[in-house]
Amino acid sequence: MTSSPSPTPAATPGEDAPRDQRKVLLAAPRGYCAGVDRAVIAVEKALEQYGAPVYVRHEIVHNKYVVKTLEKKGAIFVDETEEVPEGNIVIFSAHGVAPVVHEEAKRGKLATIDATCPLVTKVHKEAVRYASEDYDILLIGHEGHEEVVGTSGEAPEHITLVDGPDDVANVEVRDPEKVVWLSQTTLSVDETMETVDALKGRYPNLLSPPSDDICYATQNRQIAVKQMGAEADLVIVVGSKNSSNSVRLVEVALGAGARDAHLVDYAEEIDEAWLEGVGTVGVTSGASVPEILVHGVLDWLAQRGYEDVETITAAEESIAFSLPKELRRDLRAEAQAASEG
């Protein structure tokens, strides 16, 4: 059931809100999605099962705290597959990788654990399918994002990146009758559909994917922020700056009517000046953020008089993904055998 926040009298900008007007709206759902949970557990299980070091290509998920925590346990994060010494294990991040990366690992005689989110894998399979049918694929996403790089690598000859509505005018296709759009899973739903509408203005027969590419968790977190954004003077989003879905939550909060919104990794990054004239603070977190960081923000706010916390529930999530199948094999022995062979 969705609870609606009751209106709170706005405080005067530049002054501290009276204590009886201070409250927190806590978004639900927030934090870890099933894909992130699976990826993080995959690294932890690999370390337990095989011992350190276990190498991870790129950040397993886009969160500073998670990466630092796993590094302390023995994970080594690398930018490229070639940095992993022969005979070792490398884990591919939740964002997915292009086929060429799998080939690099094979040449490097590495054992691999693929922790790609199954929802990202779905987009990869869609790209392969439409490419096999000779479609031009318009991939809506942000240039340079790891997920976009991985998906583009599935069918580079067929995929054109469309980085938002303003990029639509630059798109060129071979046959306007054979065009399909796909998207990065962590985008703003509203911006994505704005881009799709602009593309349909140019290509009326543009085909849509069989199911929405934007992941359920991204959508649910955005819906929750929309519900509380109009009531919040300030929205604090816990997440890292390289987390696309976390950055989008700030944008969604402002679009929903929040007077101010900021992205922070830790409570210590909150500027007390943001609280001037603020009665209601909205709090949420990106899909790669552990709950301990949200509790840190709630504690920080409570110490400043924001002790009344009301949960705004947009959806219930019960999805869980099974761990990568590679964790059921003796990968360390396989990798060493390959390097000796």
Protein backbone atom coordinates (compact mmCIF):
# COMPACT_ATOMS: atom_id res chain seq x y z
CA MET A 1 0.00 0.00 0.00
CA THR A 2 1.30 3.47 -0.88
CA SER A 3 1.31 6.02 1.90
CA SER A 4 0.96 9.69 0.98
CA PRO A 5 2.87 12.36 2.88
CA SER A 6 0.81 14.95 4.67
CA PRO A 7 1.55 18.56 3.72
CA THR A 8 4.02 20.32 5.98
CA PRO A 9 4.09 24.13 6.16
CA ALA A 10 7.06 25.41 4.20
CA ALA A 11 9.81 26.97 6.22
CA THR A 12 11.16 30.39 5.34
CA PRO A 13 14.20 30.11 3.03
CA GLY A 14 17.38 31.15 4.80
CA GLU A 15 16.08 30.20 8.24
CA ASP A 16 16.10 26.91 10.12
CA ALA A 17 12.74 25.13 10.05
CA PRO A 18 11.03 24.80 13.46
CA ARG A 19 11.68 21.35 14.94
CA ASP A 20 8.02 20.39 14.82
CA GLN A 21 8.08 20.97 11.06
CA ARG A 22 11.09 18.77 10.38
CA LYS A 23 10.48 15.35 8.88
CA VAL A 24 12.04 12.79 6.56
CA LEU A 25 10.30 11.00 3.69
CA LEU A 26 12.10 7.73 3.07
CA ALA A 27 11.61 6.17 -0.37
CA ALA A 28 10.81 2.51 -0.80
CA PRO A 29 12.07 0.64 -2.64
CA ARG A 30 15.62 1.98 -2.59
CA GLY A 31 19.15 0.57 -2.61
CA TYR A 32 20.29 -2.80 -3.87
CA CYS A 33 18.43 -4.31 -6.80
CA ALA A 34 18.56 -8.04 -7.56
CA GLY A 35 21.28 -7.65 -10.19
CA VAL A 36 23.58 -5.69 -7.88
CA ASP A 37 22.96 -8.09 -5.00
CA ARG A 38 23.86 -11.03 -7.26
CA ALA A 39 27.05 -9.37 -8.52
CA VAL A 40 28.33 -8.37 -5.07
CA ILE A 41 27.59 -11.82 -3.62
CA ALA A 42 29.36 -13.38 -6.62
CA VAL A 43 32.59 -11.58 -5.69
CA GLU A 44 32.23 -12.47 -2.00
CA LYS A 45 31.53 -16.14 -2.80
CA ALA A 46 34.46 -16.32 -5.22
CA LEU A 47 36.77 -14.96 -2.51
CA GLU A 48 35.42 -17.49 0.01
CA GLN A 49 35.60 -20.38 -2.44
CA TYR A 50 38.90 -19.70 -4.17
CA GLY A 51 40.73 -17.31 -1.86
CA ALA A 52 42.35 -14.00 -2.75
CA PRO A 53 43.16 -12.59 -5.13
CA VAL A 54 40.12 -12.55 -7.35
CA TYR A 55 40.24 -9.99 -10.14
CA VAL A 56 37.24 -7.91 -11.20
CA ARG A 57 37.14 -6.12 -14.55
CA HIS A 58 35.93 -2.58 -13.80
CA GLU A 59 33.91 -1.77 -10.70
CA ILE A 60 31.59 -4.69 -9.94
CA VAL A 61 28.88 -2.05 -9.36
CA HIS A 62 29.14 1.72 -9.36
CA ASN A 63 29.53 2.41 -5.66
CA LYS A 64 32.68 3.57 -3.83
CA TYR A 65 31.81 1.92 -0.52
CA VAL A 66 31.11 -1.48 -2.12
CA VAL A 67 34.34 -1.40 -4.13
CA LYS A 68 36.46 -0.43 -1.11
CA THR A 69 34.82 -3.12 1.04
CA LEU A 70 35.53 -5.83 -1.53
CA GLU A 71 39.10 -4.60 -1.98
CA LYS A 72 39.67 -5.10 1.76
CA LYS A 73 38.49 -8.70 1.35
CA GLY A 74 40.97 -9.38 -1.46
CA ALA A 75 39.30 -8.33 -4.71
CA ILE A 76 41.54 -6.54 -7.22
CA PHE A 77 39.78 -4.20 -9.64
CA VAL A 78 41.36 -3.70 -13.06
CA ASP A 79 40.47 -1.55 -16.04
CA GLU A 80 41.32 -4.11 -18.71
CA THR A 81 41.39 -7.90 -18.96
CA GLU A 82 45.06 -7.85 -20.00
CA GLU A 83 45.99 -6.63 -16.51
CA VAL A 84 44.99 -10.00 -14.99
CA PRO A 85 47.93 -12.43 -14.67
CA GLU A 86 47.63 -15.78 -16.45
CA GLY A 87 45.98 -18.59 -14.53
CA ASN A 88 43.76 -16.32 -12.44
CA ILE A 89 40.04 -15.71 -12.08
CA VAL A 90 38.38 -12.59 -13.47
CA ILE A 91 34.82 -11.51 -12.74
CA PHE A 92 32.86 -9.42 -15.22
CA SER A 93 30.81 -6.63 -13.63
CA ALA A 94 27.03 -6.30 -13.44
CA HIS A 95 27.11 -3.87 -16.36
CA GLY A 96 28.10 -6.56 -18.86
CA VAL A 97 30.93 -6.82 -21.37
CA ALA A 98 31.25 -7.14 -25.14
CA PRO A 99 32.08 -10.52 -26.74
CA VAL A 100 35.62 -9.30 -27.44
CA VAL A 101 36.25 -9.19 -23.66
CA HIS A 102 35.36 -12.88 -23.34
CA GLU A 103 37.83 -13.55 -26.16
CA GLU A 104 40.54 -11.54 -24.37
CA ALA A 105 40.03 -13.63 -21.23
CA LYS A 106 40.30 -16.84 -23.22
CA ARG A 107 43.53 -15.69 -24.85
CA GLY A 108 44.86 -14.71 -21.44
CA LYS A 109 44.07 -18.22 -20.11
CA LEU A 110 41.79 -16.84 -17.44
CA ALA A 111 38.83 -18.46 -15.73
CA THR A 112 35.82 -16.16 -15.86
CA ILE A 113 32.74 -15.52 -13.72
CA ASP A 114 30.09 -13.53 -15.55
CA ALA A 115 28.20 -11.39 -13.03
CA THR A 116 26.32 -9.44 -15.72
CA CYS A 117 22.83 -8.52 -14.55
CA PRO A 118 20.33 -10.84 -16.28
CA LEU A 119 18.32 -7.77 -17.36
CA VAL A 120 21.40 -6.43 -19.16
CA THR A 121 21.95 -9.85 -20.71
CA LYS A 122 18.38 -9.62 -22.05
CA VAL A 123 19.29 -6.40 -23.90
CA HIS A 124 22.44 -8.08 -25.27
CA LYS A 125 20.35 -10.94 -26.64
CA GLU A 126 17.90 -8.49 -28.20
CA ALA A 127 20.79 -6.71 -29.92
CA VAL A 128 22.11 -10.00 -31.33
CA ARG A 129 18.64 -11.03 -32.51
CA TYR A 130 17.83 -7.77 -34.30
CA ALA A 131 21.29 -7.62 -35.85
CA SER A 132 20.79 -11.14 -37.21
CA GLU A 133 17.58 -9.87 -38.84
CA ASP A 134 19.57 -6.95 -40.34
CA TYR A 135 17.87 -4.16 -38.40
CA ASP A 136 19.50 -0.85 -37.64
CA ILE A 137 19.51 -0.71 -33.82
CA LEU A 138 19.21 2.68 -32.11
CA LEU A 139 20.65 2.23 -28.62
CA ILE A 140 19.46 4.95 -26.25
CA GLY A 141 22.11 5.52 -23.60
CA HIS A 142 25.04 7.56 -22.38
CA GLU A 143 28.26 7.46 -24.36
CA GLY A 144 31.10 5.72 -22.53
CA HIS A 145 28.91 4.01 -19.92
CA GLU A 146 30.11 0.44 -19.40
CA GLU A 147 26.70 -1.05 -20.11
CA VAL A 148 26.45 0.83 -23.42
CA VAL A 149 29.97 -0.26 -24.42
CA GLY A 150 29.09 -3.89 -23.67
CA THR A 151 25.78 -3.85 -25.55
CA SER A 152 27.28 -2.02 -28.54
CA GLY A 153 29.97 -4.68 -28.74
CA GLU A 154 27.35 -7.35 -29.43
CA ALA A 155 26.57 -5.90 -32.87
CA PRO A 156 28.83 -2.93 -33.61
CA GLU A 157 27.96 -2.89 -37.33
CA HIS A 158 24.26 -2.45 -36.58
CA ILE A 159 24.14 -0.27 -33.45
CA THR A 160 24.01 3.53 -33.36
CA LEU A 161 24.13 5.26 -29.97
CA VAL A 162 21.48 7.91 -29.32
CA ASP A 163 22.51 9.99 -26.31
CA GLY A 164 19.23 11.68 -25.44
CA PRO A 165 16.57 13.63 -27.39
CA ASP A 166 19.04 16.24 -28.62
CA ASP A 167 21.03 13.53 -30.41
CA VAL A 168 18.11 12.32 -32.53
CA ALA A 169 18.80 14.81 -35.35
CA ASN A 170 22.22 13.18 -35.88
CA VAL A 171 20.83 9.68 -36.44
CA GLU A 172 21.15 8.09 -39.87
CA VAL A 173 19.82 4.64 -40.83
CA ARG A 174 20.02 2.49 -43.94
CA ASP A 175 16.33 1.62 -44.17
CA PRO A 176 13.69 3.60 -42.22
CA GLU A 177 11.42 0.54 -42.41
CA LYS A 178 13.88 -1.67 -40.50
CA VAL A 179 14.76 0.24 -37.35
CA VAL A 180 14.41 -0.82 -33.70
CA TRP A 181 15.28 0.94 -30.44
CA LEU A 182 16.88 -0.55 -27.34
CA SER A 183 18.05 1.24 -24.20
CA GLN A 184 20.52 1.26 -21.36
CA THR A 185 18.72 -0.24 -18.36
CA THR A 186 19.49 2.55 -15.86
CA LEU A 187 18.07 5.59 -17.64
CA SER A 188 15.30 7.96 -16.64
CA VAL A 189 12.05 6.50 -17.95
CA ASP A 190 10.72 9.94 -18.90
CA GLU A 191 13.85 11.00 -20.80
CA THR A 192 14.00 7.65 -22.60
CA MET A 193 10.41 7.95 -23.80
CA GLU A 194 11.08 11.54 -24.86
CA THR A 195 13.93 10.21 -27.00
CA VAL A 196 11.74 7.40 -28.37
CA ASP A 197 9.01 9.91 -29.30
CA ALA A 198 11.57 12.07 -31.11
CA LEU A 199 12.88 9.02 -32.97
CA LYS A 200 9.34 8.03 -33.97
CA GLY A 201 8.91 11.53 -35.35
CA ARG A 202 11.68 10.71 -37.81
CA TYR A 203 10.97 7.00 -38.21
CA PRO A 204 7.22 6.31 -37.81
CA ASN A 205 7.74 2.55 -38.21
CA LEU A 206 10.35 2.38 -35.46
CA LEU A 207 10.05 -0.99 -33.75
CA SER A 208 10.01 -1.23 -29.94
CA PRO A 209 11.69 -4.09 -28.03
CA PRO A 210 9.37 -6.91 -26.93
CA SER A 211 9.60 -5.71 -23.31
CA ASP A 212 10.76 -2.53 -21.59
CA ASP A 213 14.57 -2.44 -21.36
CA ILE A 214 14.69 -0.06 -18.38
CA CYS A 215 14.96 -2.34 -15.37
CA TYR A 216 12.17 -2.76 -12.84
CA ALA A 217 14.38 -1.45 -10.01
CA THR A 218 15.28 1.74 -11.86
CA GLN A 219 11.61 2.41 -12.59
CA ASN A 220 10.45 1.65 -9.04
CA ARG A 221 13.05 3.94 -7.48
CA GLN A 222 12.11 6.75 -9.84
CA ILE A 223 8.39 6.33 -9.10
CA ALA A 224 9.07 6.52 -5.34
CA VAL A 225 11.10 9.70 -5.80
CA LYS A 226 8.35 11.25 -7.91
CA GLN A 227 5.84 10.54 -5.15
CA MET A 228 7.88 12.28 -2.48
CA GLY A 229 9.59 14.91 -4.64
CA ALA A 230 6.66 17.32 -4.75
CA GLU A 231 6.48 17.31 -0.92
CA ALA A 232 10.21 17.60 -0.25
CA ASP A 233 12.14 20.82 0.16
CA LEU A 234 15.36 18.82 -0.21
CA VAL A 235 16.03 15.35 -1.60
CA ILE A 236 19.23 13.52 -0.69
CA VAL A 237 20.14 10.64 -3.02
CA VAL A 238 22.77 8.28 -1.67
CA GLY A 239 24.93 7.01 -4.50
CA SER A 240 28.16 7.50 -6.43
CA LYS A 241 28.62 10.05 -9.19
CA ASN A 242 29.45 7.34 -11.75
CA SER A 243 26.18 5.53 -10.98
CA SER A 244 23.81 6.38 -13.83
CA ASN A 245 20.66 5.36 -11.98
CA SER A 246 21.66 7.41 -8.91
CA VAL A 247 22.31 10.53 -11.00
CA ARG A 248 18.93 10.05 -12.67
CA LEU A 249 17.21 10.02 -9.24
CA VAL A 250 18.49 13.55 -8.57
CA GLU A 251 17.09 14.68 -11.92
CA VAL A 252 13.75 12.95 -11.26
CA ALA A 253 13.47 14.58 -7.81
CA LEU A 254 13.98 18.05 -9.25
CA GLY A 255 11.56 17.30 -12.09
CA ALA A 256 8.94 16.18 -9.55
CA GLY A 257 9.07 19.52 -7.75
CA ALA A 258 11.76 19.19 -5.09
CA ARG A 259 13.28 22.59 -4.34
CA ASP A 260 16.78 21.11 -4.11
CA ALA A 261 18.40 17.70 -4.59
CA HIS A 262 21.92 16.36 -4.11
CA LEU A 263 23.89 13.16 -4.63
CA VAL A 264 26.20 12.00 -1.81
CA ASP A 265 28.28 8.88 -1.22
CA TYR A 266 28.29 9.30 2.56
CA ALA A 267 26.43 11.33 5.18
CA GLU A 268 29.61 13.33 5.83
CA GLU A 269 29.26 14.87 2.36
CA ILE A 270 25.97 16.58 3.24
CA ASP A 271 26.37 20.34 3.54
CA GLU A 272 24.46 21.72 6.54
CA ALA A 273 23.69 24.82 4.46
CA TRP A 274 21.35 22.65 2.38
CA LEU A 275 19.04 22.42 5.43
CA GLU A 276 18.37 26.18 5.63
CA GLY A 277 14.64 26.70 5.38
CA VAL A 278 14.06 22.96 4.88
CA GLY A 279 11.14 21.31 6.65
CA THR A 280 10.85 18.05 4.68
CA VAL A 281 13.83 16.01 3.50
CA GLY A 282 13.38 13.17 1.03
CA VAL A 283 15.93 10.33 1.24
CA THR A 284 16.55 7.56 -1.25
CA SER A 285 19.45 5.57 -2.69
CA GLY A 286 20.58 4.21 -6.03
CA ALA A 287 20.34 0.55 -6.99
CA SER A 288 23.99 -0.15 -6.11
CA VAL A 289 23.91 1.35 -2.60
CA PRO A 290 24.00 -0.78 0.58
CA GLU A 291 21.47 0.13 3.27
CA ILE A 292 24.19 0.96 5.83
CA LEU A 293 24.89 4.19 3.92
CA VAL A 294 21.21 5.21 4.04
CA HIS A 295 21.16 4.61 7.80
CA GLY A 296 24.18 6.88 8.06
CA VAL A 297 22.23 9.69 6.37
CA LEU A 298 19.16 9.12 8.56
CA ASP A 299 21.32 9.24 11.70
CA TRP A 300 22.99 12.46 10.47
CA LEU A 301 19.58 14.05 9.89
CA ALA A 302 18.20 12.84 13.22
CA GLN A 303 21.07 14.56 15.01
CA ARG A 304 19.85 17.80 13.42
CA GLY A 305 16.22 17.44 14.43
CA TYR A 306 14.89 15.37 11.53
CA GLU A 307 13.81 12.40 13.62
CA ASP A 308 10.30 11.88 12.23
CA VAL A 309 10.65 9.36 9.37
CA GLU A 310 7.75 8.41 7.09
CA THR A 311 8.18 5.70 4.45
CA ILE A 312 6.79 6.34 0.96
CA THR A 313 6.21 2.96 -0.69
CA ALA A 314 5.89 2.86 -4.47
CA ALA A 315 6.21 -0.90 -5.02
CA GLU A 316 7.11 -4.19 -3.38
CA GLU A 317 10.12 -6.04 -4.82
CA SER A 318 10.62 -9.78 -4.50
CA ILE A 319 12.81 -10.55 -7.53
CA ALA A 320 16.01 -12.53 -6.93
CA PHE A 321 18.53 -13.91 -9.42
CA SER A 322 20.50 -17.13 -9.03
CA LEU A 323 24.28 -16.80 -8.71
CA PRO A 324 26.51 -17.23 -11.77
CA LYS A 325 26.81 -20.91 -12.70
CA GLU A 326 30.60 -20.67 -12.75
CA LEU A 327 30.62 -20.58 -8.93
CA ARG A 328 29.65 -24.24 -8.99
CA ARG A 329 32.95 -25.29 -10.60
CA ASP A 330 36.58 -25.37 -9.48
CA LEU A 331 37.65 -22.35 -11.50
CA ARG A 332 41.01 -21.93 -9.82
CA ALA A 333 42.08 -25.41 -10.96
CA GLU A 334 40.69 -24.78 -14.45
CA ALA A 335 42.61 -21.51 -14.81
CA GLN A 336 45.88 -23.04 -13.61
CA ALA A 337 45.44 -26.01 -15.96
CA ALA A 338 44.86 -23.64 -18.88
CA SER A 339 48.00 -21.62 -18.11
CA GLU A 340 50.08 -24.78 -17.87
CA GLY A 341 48.62 -26.29 -21.01
